[in-house]
Amino acid sequence: MTGLKALRAYSSALVAEDCLAGTFRYDVVSGELQWSEQVYQIHGYHRGEVVPTVGVLMSHLHPDDRKRCREIIEGVCRGGGFFANYHRLFDARRRERRVLTAGEGVPDSDGNVLSIDGFMLDLTRTVQLETDRSAREAIAGAIGTRGLIEQAKGILMGILHIGSDAAFERLSAYSQHHNIKLAHTASAIVRLANNTHESATLRSFVHALDSRFSARCEGDRVLHP
């Protein structure tokens, strides 16, 4: 890079909006650090409010990431090459940001690193959206699973004329015996119940499930009088 350039980054996979991204340059010889306006913003500043230095940069890093980031900077200053690092920082208002920093150590003709040119990409919003989406999917899945189990319990209660706890015990015992998830057993029963042509199969399955549960209970009584 011959100068700090404007950088546009997008997060189209999760949301149709821009990601805050900026460029930086660190002069290895003089120790001068330059930030684009966007890098100032990522750190919670406007240009002129702070003079960027390696010390300022390190002070904003998450304590758990600080050592690794320093090692990367020192390694690039010594040997050059490309680097990329995903880490956390706290801006001037102590808001945690998740960022990707990447760049290159630029050498002279003798191989000595003159500068580190790179960019910083704020992924906080993207990570938040992904986390929120995963949480919603997990909650929806849990609710859906509970609903299936409750439906299957109701079917067993109606066919076998038993209570809710007894129905759940039979579902659990069958699932454990066949080493399958309880939700899968419940789903199979509900699918049969929703198919009007499978009523006989459903009753046979439920009665077989009940008989196996009763036999298991009888066996437990014999083994543990």
Protein backbone atom coordinates (compact mmCIF):
# COMPACT_ATOMS: atom_id res chain seq x y z
CA MET A 1 0.00 0.00 0.00
CA THR A 2 1.28 3.46 -0.83
CA GLY A 3 -1.26 5.24 1.37
CA LEU A 4 -4.25 4.66 3.61
CA LYS A 5 -7.06 3.63 1.32
CA ALA A 6 -10.82 3.63 1.68
CA LEU A 7 -12.13 0.14 2.29
CA ARG A 8 -15.66 -1.18 1.88
CA ALA A 9 -16.71 -4.48 3.41
CA TYR A 10 -20.08 -6.21 3.43
CA SER A 11 -21.89 -8.88 5.41
CA SER A 12 -24.39 -10.04 2.82
CA ALA A 13 -24.55 -13.57 4.21
CA LEU A 14 -26.46 -12.41 7.28
CA VAL A 15 -27.63 -8.87 6.71
CA ALA A 16 -27.64 -6.42 3.83
CA GLU A 17 -25.50 -3.73 5.39
CA ASP A 18 -21.93 -2.45 5.36
CA CYS A 19 -19.32 -3.56 7.86
CA LEU A 20 -17.10 -0.89 9.38
CA ALA A 21 -13.62 -1.40 7.94
CA GLY A 22 -10.50 0.70 7.73
CA THR A 23 -6.82 0.61 6.92
CA PHE A 24 -3.68 1.25 8.94
CA ARG A 25 0.07 1.59 8.49
CA TYR A 26 2.79 1.04 11.06
CA ASP A 27 6.24 2.44 10.29
CA VAL A 28 8.59 -0.10 11.87
CA VAL A 29 11.60 2.26 11.81
CA SER A 30 9.98 5.36 13.31
CA GLY A 31 7.25 3.62 15.31
CA GLU A 32 4.59 5.89 13.79
CA LEU A 33 1.13 4.34 13.49
CA GLN A 34 -1.48 5.75 11.09
CA TRP A 35 -5.18 4.92 11.16
CA SER A 36 -7.87 5.65 8.61
CA GLU A 37 -11.00 7.35 9.90
CA GLN A 38 -12.79 3.99 10.13
CA VAL A 39 -10.13 2.50 12.41
CA TYR A 40 -10.53 5.50 14.70
CA GLN A 41 -14.28 4.77 14.72
CA ILE A 42 -13.75 1.09 15.55
CA HIS A 43 -11.77 2.22 18.59
CA GLY A 44 -14.47 4.74 19.52
CA TYR A 45 -12.66 7.92 18.47
CA HIS A 46 -12.70 10.63 15.85
CA ARG A 47 -9.48 11.75 14.21
CA GLY A 48 -7.67 14.21 16.46
CA GLU A 49 -9.01 12.83 19.74
CA VAL A 50 -6.07 10.49 20.23
CA VAL A 51 -2.66 9.90 18.67
CA PRO A 52 -2.54 6.24 17.57
CA THR A 53 0.46 4.33 18.90
CA VAL A 54 1.19 0.67 19.54
CA GLY A 55 0.64 1.42 23.22
CA VAL A 56 -2.82 2.86 22.55
CA LEU A 57 -3.61 -0.11 20.32
CA MET A 58 -2.58 -2.58 23.02
CA SER A 59 -4.55 -0.75 25.72
CA HIS A 60 -7.76 -1.36 23.77
CA LEU A 61 -7.19 -5.09 23.25
CA HIS A 62 -9.04 -7.65 25.33
CA PRO A 63 -6.64 -8.84 28.08
CA ASP A 64 -6.98 -12.46 26.95
CA ASP A 65 -5.97 -11.53 23.37
CA ARG A 66 -3.25 -8.99 24.13
CA LYS A 67 -0.29 -11.38 24.39
CA ARG A 68 -1.12 -13.17 21.13
CA CYS A 69 -1.58 -9.89 19.24
CA ARG A 70 1.74 -8.54 20.49
CA GLU A 71 3.49 -11.74 19.40
CA ILE A 72 1.99 -11.43 15.91
CA ILE A 73 3.09 -7.80 15.55
CA GLU A 74 6.61 -8.57 16.75
CA GLY A 75 6.84 -11.57 14.43
CA VAL A 76 5.79 -9.57 11.38
CA CYS A 77 8.22 -6.76 12.29
CA ARG A 78 11.05 -9.28 12.36
CA GLY A 79 10.23 -11.49 9.40
CA GLY A 80 7.60 -9.74 7.31
CA GLY A 81 4.94 -11.72 5.50
CA PHE A 82 1.17 -11.79 5.69
CA PHE A 83 -0.92 -12.21 8.83
CA ALA A 84 -4.55 -12.37 9.87
CA ASN A 85 -5.89 -12.34 13.41
CA TYR A 86 -9.42 -12.50 14.82
CA HIS A 87 -9.54 -10.85 18.24
CA ARG A 88 -11.50 -8.66 20.62
CA LEU A 89 -11.03 -5.06 21.67
CA PHE A 90 -12.81 -2.51 23.84
CA ASP A 91 -13.53 0.88 22.31
CA ALA A 92 -13.31 4.20 24.16
CA ARG A 93 -16.78 3.59 25.66
CA ARG A 94 -15.76 0.09 26.86
CA ARG A 95 -17.95 -1.64 24.29
CA GLU A 96 -16.51 -4.96 23.22
CA ARG A 97 -15.91 -5.37 19.50
CA ARG A 98 -14.99 -8.47 17.51
CA VAL A 99 -12.54 -7.59 14.78
CA LEU A 100 -10.44 -9.17 12.06
CA THR A 101 -7.04 -7.57 11.55
CA ALA A 102 -4.96 -8.57 8.55
CA GLY A 103 -1.98 -7.16 6.73
CA GLU A 104 1.54 -7.56 5.41
CA GLY A 105 5.03 -6.70 6.53
CA VAL A 106 6.59 -4.74 3.65
CA PRO A 107 10.38 -5.26 3.31
CA ASP A 108 13.05 -3.20 1.60
CA SER A 109 15.48 -4.59 -0.99
CA ASP A 110 17.60 -6.13 1.77
CA GLY A 111 14.63 -7.91 3.34
CA ASN A 112 14.29 -5.61 6.33
CA VAL A 113 10.68 -4.84 7.21
CA LEU A 114 9.94 -1.16 6.69
CA SER A 115 6.23 -1.06 7.49
CA ILE A 116 3.15 -3.10 8.21
CA ASP A 117 0.20 -2.22 5.99
CA GLY A 118 -3.17 -3.75 6.71
CA PHE A 119 -6.86 -3.41 7.43
CA MET A 120 -9.21 -3.85 10.36
CA LEU A 121 -12.75 -5.18 9.91
CA ASP A 122 -15.39 -4.84 12.64
CA LEU A 123 -17.35 -8.12 12.75
CA THR A 124 -19.26 -7.36 15.94
CA ARG A 125 -22.65 -6.97 14.25
CA THR A 126 -22.16 -10.05 12.09
CA VAL A 127 -21.17 -12.19 15.08
CA GLN A 128 -24.12 -10.87 17.07
CA LEU A 129 -26.56 -11.67 14.26
CA GLU A 130 -25.16 -15.17 13.88
CA THR A 131 -25.35 -15.79 17.64
CA ASP A 132 -28.91 -14.48 17.81
CA ARG A 133 -29.96 -16.62 14.85
CA SER A 134 -28.39 -19.74 16.37
CA ALA A 135 -30.13 -19.03 19.67
CA ARG A 136 -33.50 -18.58 17.96
CA GLU A 137 -33.05 -21.80 16.03
CA ALA A 138 -32.10 -23.67 19.20
CA ILE A 139 -35.15 -22.32 21.05
CA ALA A 140 -37.43 -23.12 18.14
CA GLY A 141 -35.99 -26.63 17.97
CA ALA A 142 -36.49 -27.16 21.70
CA ILE A 143 -40.08 -25.91 21.52
CA GLY A 144 -40.74 -28.12 18.51
CA THR A 145 -39.28 -31.14 20.29
CA ARG A 146 -41.39 -30.57 23.38
CA GLY A 147 -44.46 -30.22 21.20
CA LEU A 148 -43.79 -33.56 19.49
CA ILE A 149 -43.27 -35.32 22.79
CA GLU A 150 -46.47 -33.88 24.22
CA GLN A 151 -48.40 -35.01 21.14
CA ALA A 152 -46.94 -38.51 21.36
CA LYS A 153 -47.78 -38.69 25.05
CA GLY A 154 -51.35 -37.72 24.28
CA ILE A 155 -51.60 -40.46 21.64
CA LEU A 156 -50.33 -43.08 24.10
CA MET A 157 -52.66 -41.81 26.80
CA GLY A 158 -55.64 -42.13 24.46
CA ILE A 159 -54.82 -45.60 23.15
CA LEU A 160 -53.56 -47.18 26.39
CA HIS A 161 -55.80 -45.22 28.80
CA ILE A 162 -52.85 -44.22 30.98
CA GLY A 163 -51.68 -41.01 32.58
CA SER A 164 -49.16 -38.47 31.35
CA ASP A 165 -46.27 -39.74 33.48
CA ALA A 166 -46.87 -43.33 32.45
CA ALA A 167 -46.91 -42.34 28.78
CA PHE A 168 -43.62 -40.50 29.15
CA GLU A 169 -42.05 -43.48 30.92
CA ARG A 170 -42.96 -45.73 27.99
CA LEU A 171 -41.57 -43.30 25.44
CA SER A 172 -38.34 -42.95 27.40
CA ALA A 173 -37.93 -46.69 27.92
CA TYR A 174 -38.43 -47.42 24.21
CA SER A 175 -35.93 -44.72 23.19
CA GLN A 176 -33.32 -45.93 25.66
CA HIS A 177 -33.77 -49.57 24.62
CA HIS A 178 -33.25 -48.73 20.93
CA ASN A 179 -30.63 -46.03 21.62
CA ILE A 180 -32.51 -43.33 19.71
CA LYS A 181 -33.53 -39.84 20.70
CA LEU A 182 -36.83 -39.42 22.49
CA ALA A 183 -37.88 -36.84 19.91
CA HIS A 184 -37.40 -39.38 17.11
CA THR A 185 -39.66 -41.89 18.84
CA ALA A 186 -42.26 -39.19 19.41
CA SER A 187 -41.99 -38.04 15.80
CA ALA A 188 -42.59 -41.58 14.49
CA ILE A 189 -45.72 -41.94 16.61
CA VAL A 190 -47.07 -38.55 15.55
CA ARG A 191 -46.44 -39.31 11.86
CA LEU A 192 -48.38 -42.56 12.15
CA ALA A 193 -51.22 -40.79 13.97
CA ASN A 194 -51.44 -38.15 11.22
CA ASN A 195 -51.80 -40.78 8.51
CA THR A 196 -55.36 -42.12 8.44
CA HIS A 197 -54.18 -45.22 6.59
CA GLU A 198 -51.76 -46.15 9.36
CA SER A 199 -54.17 -46.42 12.29
CA ALA A 200 -53.69 -50.17 12.59
CA THR A 201 -49.91 -49.79 12.41
CA LEU A 202 -50.05 -47.07 15.05
CA ARG A 203 -52.05 -49.23 17.47
CA SER A 204 -49.76 -52.21 16.90
CA PHE A 205 -46.70 -50.06 17.52
CA VAL A 206 -48.13 -48.50 20.69
CA HIS A 207 -49.23 -51.85 22.13
CA ALA A 208 -45.83 -53.37 21.30
CA LEU A 209 -44.16 -50.43 23.02
CA ASP A 210 -46.41 -50.93 26.07
CA SER A 211 -45.79 -54.69 26.18
CA ARG A 212 -42.01 -54.19 26.03
CA PHE A 213 -42.21 -51.64 28.84
CA SER A 214 -44.31 -54.00 30.98
CA ALA A 215 -41.90 -56.90 30.32
CA ARG A 216 -38.96 -54.73 31.31
CA CYS A 217 -40.67 -53.67 34.53
CA GLU A 218 -41.49 -57.31 35.30
CA GLY A 219 -37.86 -58.26 34.69
CA ASP A 220 -36.69 -55.53 37.06
CA ARG A 221 -39.00 -56.90 39.78
CA VAL A 222 -37.60 -60.40 39.32
CA LEU A 223 -33.99 -59.17 39.48
CA HIS A 224 -34.69 -56.86 42.44
CA PRO A 225 -37.31 -58.59 44.65
